[in-house]
């Protein structure tokens, strides 16, 4: 989903977690936790991602139109069950 798309961009651009977090405008540890499904993301993260990567606007807008925290908590819960 969104996090997977961001992971793919990070890999394609060959960016470290720190570089990618800087591009998003968030802390590295926040990106690491979100990326690994250990923390939910909220509206601030979505706004930062939307600004940094406008090509993901349509996907991000779906999250912004719903309760982003609930949606990302569900993703984190699924990831934790799989891991």
PDB file of N, CA and C in Angstrom:
ATOM      1  N   UNK A   1       0.831  -1.166   0.000  1.00  0.00           N
ATOM      2  CA  UNK A   1       0.000   0.000   0.000  1.00  0.00           C
ATOM      3  C   UNK A   1       0.884   1.241   0.000  1.00  0.00           C
ATOM      4  N   UNK A   2       0.531   2.248   0.761  1.00  0.00           N
ATOM      5  CA  UNK A   2       1.292   3.496   0.770  1.00  0.00           C
ATOM      6  C   UNK A   2       2.720   3.286   1.262  1.00  0.00           C
ATOM      7  N   UNK A   3       2.851   2.596   2.373  1.00  0.00           N
ATOM      8  CA  UNK A   3       4.192   2.384   2.927  1.00  0.00           C
ATOM      9  C   UNK A   3       5.051   1.585   1.950  1.00  0.00           C
ATOM     10  N   UNK A   4       4.461   0.598   1.296  1.00  0.00           N
ATOM     11  CA  UNK A   4       5.214  -0.164   0.296  1.00  0.00           C
ATOM     12  C   UNK A   4       5.651   0.718  -0.859  1.00  0.00           C
ATOM     13  N   UNK A   5       4.779   1.615  -1.295  1.00  0.00           N
ATOM     14  CA  UNK A   5       5.125   2.540  -2.381  1.00  0.00           C
ATOM     15  C   UNK A   5       6.282   3.438  -1.952  1.00  0.00           C
ATOM     16  N   UNK A   6       6.251   3.905  -0.714  1.00  0.00           N
ATOM     17  CA  UNK A   6       7.335   4.750  -0.220  1.00  0.00           C
ATOM     18  C   UNK A   6       8.635   3.957  -0.085  1.00  0.00           C
ATOM     19  N   UNK A   7       8.536   2.714   0.356  1.00  0.00           N
ATOM     20  CA  UNK A   7       9.728   1.857   0.417  1.00  0.00           C
ATOM     21  C   UNK A   7      10.351   1.688  -0.966  1.00  0.00           C
ATOM     22  N   UNK A   8       9.491   1.470  -1.970  1.00  0.00           N
ATOM     23  CA  UNK A   8       9.982   1.307  -3.341  1.00  0.00           C
ATOM     24  C   UNK A   8      10.679   2.574  -3.830  1.00  0.00           C
ATOM     25  N   UNK A   9      10.114   3.720  -3.513  1.00  0.00           N
ATOM     26  CA  UNK A   9      10.743   4.988  -3.906  1.00  0.00           C
ATOM     27  C   UNK A   9      12.087   5.121  -3.209  1.00  0.00           C
ATOM     28  N   UNK A  10      12.129   4.817  -1.923  1.00  0.00           N
ATOM     29  CA  UNK A  10      13.382   4.905  -1.176  1.00  0.00           C
ATOM     30  C   UNK A  10      14.447   4.020  -1.810  1.00  0.00           C
ATOM     31  N   UNK A  11      14.077   2.798  -2.163  1.00  0.00           N
ATOM     32  CA  UNK A  11      15.024   1.873  -2.784  1.00  0.00           C
ATOM     33  C   UNK A  11      15.449   2.373  -4.164  1.00  0.00           C
ATOM     34  N   UNK A  12      14.477   2.827  -4.956  1.00  0.00           N
ATOM     35  CA  UNK A  12      14.772   3.315  -6.305  1.00  0.00           C
ATOM     36  C   UNK A  12      15.722   4.506  -6.272  1.00  0.00           C
ATOM     37  N   UNK A  13      15.530   5.380  -5.288  1.00  0.00           N
ATOM     38  CA  UNK A  13      16.380   6.566  -5.178  1.00  0.00           C
ATOM     39  C   UNK A  13      17.650   6.290  -4.371  1.00  0.00           C
ATOM     40  N   UNK A  14      17.784   5.027  -3.907  1.00  0.00           N
ATOM     41  CA  UNK A  14      18.965   4.598  -3.161  1.00  0.00           C
ATOM     42  C   UNK A  14      19.252   5.525  -1.976  1.00  0.00           C
ATOM     43  N   UNK A  15      18.215   5.773  -1.165  1.00  0.00           N
ATOM     44  CA  UNK A  15      18.340   6.664  -0.019  1.00  0.00           C
ATOM     45  C   UNK A  15      18.375   5.860   1.278  1.00  0.00           C
ATOM     46  N   UNK A  16      19.211   6.294   2.198  1.00  0.00           N
ATOM     47  CA  UNK A  16      19.221   5.699   3.531  1.00  0.00           C
ATOM     48  C   UNK A  16      17.937   6.110   4.249  1.00  0.00           C
ATOM     49  N   UNK A  17      17.663   5.471   5.374  1.00  0.00           N
ATOM     50  CA  UNK A  17      16.493   5.873   6.154  1.00  0.00           C
ATOM     51  C   UNK A  17      16.587   7.344   6.556  1.00  0.00           C
ATOM     52  N   UNK A  18      17.780   7.781   6.938  1.00  0.00           N
ATOM     53  CA  UNK A  18      17.963   9.183   7.338  1.00  0.00           C
ATOM     54  C   UNK A  18      17.694  10.129   6.175  1.00  0.00           C
ATOM     55  N   UNK A  19      18.241   9.818   5.013  1.00  0.00           N
ATOM     56  CA  UNK A  19      18.031  10.672   3.835  1.00  0.00           C
ATOM     57  C   UNK A  19      16.559  10.708   3.433  1.00  0.00           C
ATOM     58  N   UNK A  20      15.904   9.563   3.493  1.00  0.00           N
ATOM     59  CA  UNK A  20      14.504   9.496   3.112  1.00  0.00           C
ATOM     60  C   UNK A  20      13.643  10.253   4.118  1.00  0.00           C
ATOM     61  N   UNK A  21      13.933  10.071   5.399  1.00  0.00           N
ATOM     62  CA  UNK A  21      13.194  10.800   6.434  1.00  0.00           C
ATOM     63  C   UNK A  21      13.385  12.307   6.276  1.00  0.00           C
ATOM     64  N   UNK A  22      14.606  12.720   5.963  1.00  0.00           N
ATOM     65  CA  UNK A  22      14.866  14.140   5.732  1.00  0.00           C
ATOM     66  C   UNK A  22      14.033  14.660   4.567  1.00  0.00           C
ATOM     67  N   UNK A  23      13.949  13.883   3.513  1.00  0.00           N
ATOM     68  CA  UNK A  23      13.154  14.277   2.354  1.00  0.00           C
ATOM     69  C   UNK A  23      11.671  14.399   2.729  1.00  0.00           C
ATOM     70  N   UNK A  24      11.209  13.500   3.594  1.00  0.00           N
ATOM     71  CA  UNK A  24       9.821  13.540   4.044  1.00  0.00           C
ATOM     72  C   UNK A  24       9.583  14.639   5.080  1.00  0.00           C
ATOM     73  N   UNK A  25      10.642  15.063   5.741  1.00  0.00           N
ATOM     74  CA  UNK A  25      10.497  16.076   6.781  1.00  0.00           C
ATOM     75  C   UNK A  25      10.083  15.490   8.125  1.00  0.00           C
ATOM     76  N   UNK A  26      10.521  14.249   8.389  1.00  0.00           N
ATOM     77  CA  UNK A  26      10.209  13.594   9.652  1.00  0.00           C
ATOM     78  C   UNK A  26      11.496  13.036  10.248  1.00  0.00           C
ATOM     79  N   UNK A  27      11.424  12.569  11.484  1.00  0.00           N
ATOM     80  CA  UNK A  27      12.588  11.960  12.129  1.00  0.00           C
ATOM     81  C   UNK A  27      12.853  10.574  11.542  1.00  0.00           C
ATOM     82  N   UNK A  28      14.121  10.213  11.523  1.00  0.00           N
ATOM     83  CA  UNK A  28      14.512   8.903  10.999  1.00  0.00           C
ATOM     84  C   UNK A  28      13.838   7.774  11.754  1.00  0.00           C
ATOM     85  N   UNK A  29      13.799   7.876  13.069  1.00  0.00           N
ATOM     86  CA  UNK A  29      13.204   6.803  13.866  1.00  0.00           C
ATOM     87  C   UNK A  29      11.708   6.665  13.551  1.00  0.00           C
ATOM     88  N   UNK A  30      11.050   7.780  13.262  1.00  0.00           N
ATOM     89  CA  UNK A  30       9.625   7.722  12.898  1.00  0.00           C
ATOM     90  C   UNK A  30       9.458   6.957  11.596  1.00  0.00           C
ATOM     91  N   UNK A  31      10.295   7.277  10.601  1.00  0.00           N
ATOM     92  CA  UNK A  31      10.203   6.566   9.324  1.00  0.00           C
ATOM     93  C   UNK A  31      10.502   5.081   9.519  1.00  0.00           C
ATOM     94  N   UNK A  32      11.514   4.760  10.299  1.00  0.00           N
ATOM     95  CA  UNK A  32      11.869   3.369  10.527  1.00  0.00           C
ATOM     96  C   UNK A  32      10.705   2.604  11.164  1.00  0.00           C
ATOM     97  N   UNK A  33      10.066   3.195  12.137  1.00  0.00           N
ATOM     98  CA  UNK A  33       8.943   2.534  12.806  1.00  0.00           C
ATOM     99  C   UNK A  33       7.745   2.377  11.876  1.00  0.00           C
ATOM    100  N   UNK A  34       7.450   3.405  11.106  1.00  0.00           N
ATOM    101  CA  UNK A  34       6.342   3.328  10.149  1.00  0.00           C
ATOM    102  C   UNK A  34       6.644   2.283   9.086  1.00  0.00           C
ATOM    103  N   UNK A  35       7.841   2.341   8.555  1.00  0.00           N
ATOM    104  CA  UNK A  35       8.259   1.431   7.486  1.00  0.00           C
ATOM    105  C   UNK A  35       8.181  -0.031   7.912  1.00  0.00           C
ATOM    106  N   UNK A  36       8.487  -0.287   9.171  1.00  0.00           N
ATOM    107  CA  UNK A  36       8.506  -1.657   9.675  1.00  0.00           C
ATOM    108  C   UNK A  36       7.204  -2.061  10.355  1.00  0.00           C
ATOM    109  N   UNK A  37       6.186  -1.199  10.261  1.00  0.00           N
ATOM    110  CA  UNK A  37       4.880  -1.537  10.805  1.00  0.00           C
ATOM    111  C   UNK A  37       4.788  -1.503  12.314  1.00  0.00           C
ATOM    112  N   UNK A  38       5.730  -0.845  12.964  1.00  0.00           N
ATOM    113  CA  UNK A  38       5.720  -0.784  14.420  1.00  0.00           C
ATOM    114  C   UNK A  38       5.034   0.460  14.958  1.00  0.00           C
ATOM    115  N   UNK A  39       4.681   1.378  14.069  1.00  0.00           N
ATOM    116  CA  UNK A  39       4.003   2.597  14.505  1.00  0.00           C
ATOM    117  C   UNK A  39       3.023   3.036  13.425  1.00  0.00           C
ATOM    118  N   UNK A  40       1.897   3.572  13.855  1.00  0.00           N
ATOM    119  CA  UNK A  40       0.938   4.087  12.879  1.00  0.00           C
ATOM    120  C   UNK A  40       1.403   5.438  12.352  1.00  0.00           C
ATOM    121  N   UNK A  41       0.860   5.828  11.221  1.00  0.00           N
ATOM    122  CA  UNK A  41       1.150   7.168  10.721  1.00  0.00           C
ATOM    123  C   UNK A  41      -0.125   7.999  10.793  1.00  0.00           C
ATOM    124  N   UNK A  42       0.071   9.279  10.892  1.00  0.00           N
ATOM    125  CA  UNK A  42      -1.060  10.193  11.010  1.00  0.00           C
ATOM    126  C   UNK A  42      -1.075  11.221   9.894  1.00  0.00           C
ATOM    127  N   UNK A  43      -1.881  12.222  10.093  1.00  0.00           N
ATOM    128  CA  UNK A  43      -2.065  13.257   9.073  1.00  0.00           C
ATOM    129  C   UNK A  43      -0.784  14.028   8.772  1.00  0.00           C
ATOM    130  N   UNK A  44       0.030  14.293   9.794  1.00  0.00           N
ATOM    131  CA  UNK A  44       1.274  15.030   9.554  1.00  0.00           C
ATOM    132  C   UNK A  44       2.173  14.250   8.603  1.00  0.00           C
ATOM    133  N   UNK A  45       2.322  12.949   8.863  1.00  0.00           N
ATOM    134  CA  UNK A  45       3.133  12.107   7.984  1.00  0.00           C
ATOM    135  C   UNK A  45       2.578  12.123   6.566  1.00  0.00           C
ATOM    136  N   UNK A  46       1.261  11.973   6.446  1.00  0.00           N
ATOM    137  CA  UNK A  46       0.630  11.962   5.119  1.00  0.00           C
ATOM    138  C   UNK A  46       0.855  13.275   4.384  1.00  0.00           C
ATOM    139  N   UNK A  47       0.738  14.374   5.099  1.00  0.00           N
ATOM    140  CA  UNK A  47       0.966  15.680   4.466  1.00  0.00           C
ATOM    141  C   UNK A  47       2.404  15.827   3.999  1.00  0.00           C
ATOM    142  N   UNK A  48       3.335  15.370   4.823  1.00  0.00           N
ATOM    143  CA  UNK A  48       4.754  15.426   4.447  1.00  0.00           C
ATOM    144  C   UNK A  48       5.027  14.549   3.226  1.00  0.00           C
ATOM    145  N   UNK A  49       4.481  13.338   3.234  1.00  0.00           N
ATOM    146  CA  UNK A  49       4.692  12.424   2.111  1.00  0.00           C
ATOM    147  C   UNK A  49       4.072  12.968   0.837  1.00  0.00           C
ATOM    148  N   UNK A  50       2.904  13.571   0.966  1.00  0.00           N
ATOM    149  CA  UNK A  50       2.208  14.141  -0.202  1.00  0.00           C
ATOM    150  C   UNK A  50       3.016  15.277  -0.817  1.00  0.00           C
ATOM    151  N   UNK A  51       3.604  16.092   0.046  1.00  0.00           N
ATOM    152  CA  UNK A  51       4.411  17.214  -0.447  1.00  0.00           C
ATOM    153  C   UNK A  51       5.709  16.712  -1.091  1.00  0.00           C
ATOM    154  N   UNK A  52       6.334  15.718  -0.486  1.00  0.00           N
ATOM    155  CA  UNK A  52       7.611  15.207  -0.999  1.00  0.00           C
ATOM    156  C   UNK A  52       7.435  14.382  -2.270  1.00  0.00           C
ATOM    157  N   UNK A  53       6.308  13.663  -2.361  1.00  0.00           N
ATOM    158  CA  UNK A  53       6.083  12.762  -3.491  1.00  0.00           C
ATOM    159  C   UNK A  53       4.680  12.963  -4.067  1.00  0.00           C
ATOM    160  N   UNK A  54       4.514  14.023  -4.850  1.00  0.00           N
ATOM    161  CA  UNK A  54       3.191  14.337  -5.412  1.00  0.00           C
ATOM    162  C   UNK A  54       2.606  13.219  -6.279  1.00  0.00           C
ATOM    163  N   UNK A  55       3.456  12.327  -6.780  1.00  0.00           N
ATOM    164  CA  UNK A  55       2.950  11.231  -7.602  1.00  0.00           C
ATOM    165  C   UNK A  55       2.098  10.252  -6.783  1.00  0.00           C
ATOM    166  N   UNK A  56       2.188  10.338  -5.463  1.00  0.00           N
ATOM    167  CA  UNK A  56       1.379   9.484  -4.587  1.00  0.00           C
ATOM    168  C   UNK A  56       0.128  10.196  -4.074  1.00  0.00           C
ATOM    169  N   UNK A  57      -0.163  11.351  -4.635  1.00  0.00           N
ATOM    170  CA  UNK A  57      -1.282  12.176  -4.187  1.00  0.00           C
ATOM    171  C   UNK A  57      -2.590  11.404  -4.098  1.00  0.00           C
ATOM    172  N   UNK A  58      -2.924  10.643  -5.115  1.00  0.00           N
ATOM    173  CA  UNK A  58      -4.203   9.935  -5.123  1.00  0.00           C
ATOM    174  C   UNK A  58      -4.299   8.923  -3.980  1.00  0.00           C
ATOM    175  N   UNK A  59      -3.237   8.197  -3.744  1.00  0.00           N
ATOM    176  CA  UNK A  59      -3.236   7.212  -2.659  1.00  0.00           C
ATOM    177  C   UNK A  59      -3.312   7.919  -1.310  1.00  0.00           C
ATOM    178  N   UNK A  60      -2.516   8.949  -1.150  1.00  0.00           N
ATOM    179  CA  UNK A  60      -2.481   9.678   0.118  1.00  0.00           C
ATOM    180  C   UNK A  60      -3.824  10.348   0.390  1.00  0.00           C
ATOM    181  N   UNK A  61      -4.450  10.869  -0.640  1.00  0.00           N
ATOM    182  CA  UNK A  61      -5.749  11.525  -0.452  1.00  0.00           C
ATOM    183  C   UNK A  61      -6.811  10.566   0.077  1.00  0.00           C
ATOM    184  N   UNK A  62      -6.691   9.291  -0.272  1.00  0.00           N
ATOM    185  CA  UNK A  62      -7.627   8.300   0.267  1.00  0.00           C
ATOM    186  C   UNK A  62      -7.466   8.214   1.781  1.00  0.00           C
ATOM    187  N   UNK A  63      -6.227   8.181   2.237  1.00  0.00           N
ATOM    188  CA  UNK A  63      -5.981   8.147   3.680  1.00  0.00           C
ATOM    189  C   UNK A  63      -6.435   9.437   4.350  1.00  0.00           C
ATOM    190  N   UNK A  64      -6.175  10.568   3.694  1.00  0.00           N
ATOM    191  CA  UNK A  64      -6.574  11.844   4.287  1.00  0.00           C
ATOM    192  C   UNK A  64      -8.088  11.987   4.352  1.00  0.00           C
ATOM    193  N   UNK A  65      -8.784  11.336   3.440  1.00  0.00           N
ATOM    194  CA  UNK A  65     -10.247  11.425   3.414  1.00  0.00           C
ATOM    195  C   UNK A  65     -10.876  10.547   4.493  1.00  0.00           C
ATOM    196  N   UNK A  66     -10.119   9.584   5.000  1.00  0.00           N
ATOM    197  CA  UNK A  66     -10.600   8.714   6.068  1.00  0.00           C
ATOM    198  C   UNK A  66      -9.827   9.053   7.325  1.00  0.00           C
ATOM    199  N   UNK A  67     -10.001   8.308   8.343  1.00  0.00           N
ATOM    200  CA  UNK A  67      -9.220   8.514   9.560  1.00  0.00           C
ATOM    201  C   UNK A  67      -7.876   7.827   9.370  1.00  0.00           C
ATOM    202  N   UNK A  68      -6.860   8.601   9.081  1.00  0.00           N
ATOM    203  CA  UNK A  68      -5.536   8.069   8.756  1.00  0.00           C
ATOM    204  C   UNK A  68      -4.955   7.230   9.878  1.00  0.00           C
ATOM    205  N   UNK A  69      -5.172   7.619  11.104  1.00  0.00           N
ATOM    206  CA  UNK A  69      -4.600   6.879  12.216  1.00  0.00           C
ATOM    207  C   UNK A  69      -5.197   5.487  12.303  1.00  0.00           C
ATOM    208  N   UNK A  70      -6.510   5.383  12.171  1.00  0.00           N
ATOM    209  CA  UNK A  70      -7.159   4.073  12.218  1.00  0.00           C
ATOM    210  C   UNK A  70      -6.654   3.198  11.083  1.00  0.00           C
ATOM    211  N   UNK A  71      -6.582   3.759   9.890  1.00  0.00           N
ATOM    212  CA  UNK A  71      -6.128   2.991   8.728  1.00  0.00           C
ATOM    213  C   UNK A  71      -4.710   2.479   8.926  1.00  0.00           C
ATOM    214  N   UNK A  72      -3.812   3.322   9.389  1.00  0.00           N
ATOM    215  CA  UNK A  72      -2.424   2.894   9.543  1.00  0.00           C
ATOM    216  C   UNK A  72      -2.262   1.937  10.718  1.00  0.00           C
ATOM    217  N   UNK A  73      -3.072   2.075  11.768  1.00  0.00           N
ATOM    218  CA  UNK A  73      -3.013   1.120  12.876  1.00  0.00           C
ATOM    219  C   UNK A  73      -3.416  -0.271  12.396  1.00  0.00           C
ATOM    220  N   UNK A  74      -4.381  -0.332  11.509  1.00  0.00           N
ATOM    221  CA  UNK A  74      -4.784  -1.630  10.959  1.00  0.00           C
ATOM    222  C   UNK A  74      -3.641  -2.248  10.166  1.00  0.00           C
ATOM    223  N   UNK A  75      -2.949  -1.428   9.383  1.00  0.00           N
ATOM    224  CA  UNK A  75      -1.802  -1.929   8.613  1.00  0.00           C
ATOM    225  C   UNK A  75      -0.724  -2.417   9.576  1.00  0.00           C
ATOM    226  N   UNK A  76      -0.439  -1.646  10.622  1.00  0.00           N
ATOM    227  CA  UNK A  76       0.585  -2.037  11.592  1.00  0.00           C
ATOM    228  C   UNK A  76       0.206  -3.340  12.280  1.00  0.00           C
ATOM    229  N   UNK A  77      -1.052  -3.511  12.608  1.00  0.00           N
ATOM    230  CA  UNK A  77      -1.516  -4.731  13.257  1.00  0.00           C
ATOM    231  C   UNK A  77      -1.323  -5.936  12.345  1.00  0.00           C
ATOM    232  N   UNK A  78      -1.676  -5.795  11.081  1.00  0.00           N
ATOM    233  CA  UNK A  78      -1.478  -6.884  10.124  1.00  0.00           C
ATOM    234  C   UNK A  78      -0.008  -7.199   9.974  1.00  0.00           C
ATOM    235  N   UNK A  79       0.835  -6.173   9.847  1.00  0.00           N
ATOM    236  CA  UNK A  79       2.269  -6.396   9.706  1.00  0.00           C
ATOM    237  C   UNK A  79       2.842  -7.108  10.920  1.00  0.00           C
ATOM    238  N   UNK A  80       2.393  -6.736  12.112  1.00  0.00           N
ATOM    239  CA  UNK A  80       2.900  -7.373  13.324  1.00  0.00           C
ATOM    240  C   UNK A  80       2.489  -8.837  13.410  1.00  0.00           C
ATOM    241  N   UNK A  81       1.304  -9.167  12.934  1.00  0.00           N
ATOM    242  CA  UNK A  81       0.837 -10.548  12.954  1.00  0.00           C
ATOM    243  C   UNK A  81       1.640 -11.403  11.982  1.00  0.00           C
ATOM    244  N   UNK A  82       2.026 -10.798  10.852  1.00  0.00           N
ATOM    245  CA  UNK A  82       2.786 -11.528   9.838  1.00  0.00           C
ATOM    246  C   UNK A  82       4.241 -11.698  10.258  1.00  0.00           C
ATOM    247  N   UNK A  83       4.773 -10.730  11.018  1.00  0.00           N
ATOM    248  CA  UNK A  83       6.186 -10.732  11.378  1.00  0.00           C
ATOM    249  C   UNK A  83       6.407 -11.446  12.615  1.00  0.00           C
TER     250      UNK A  83
END
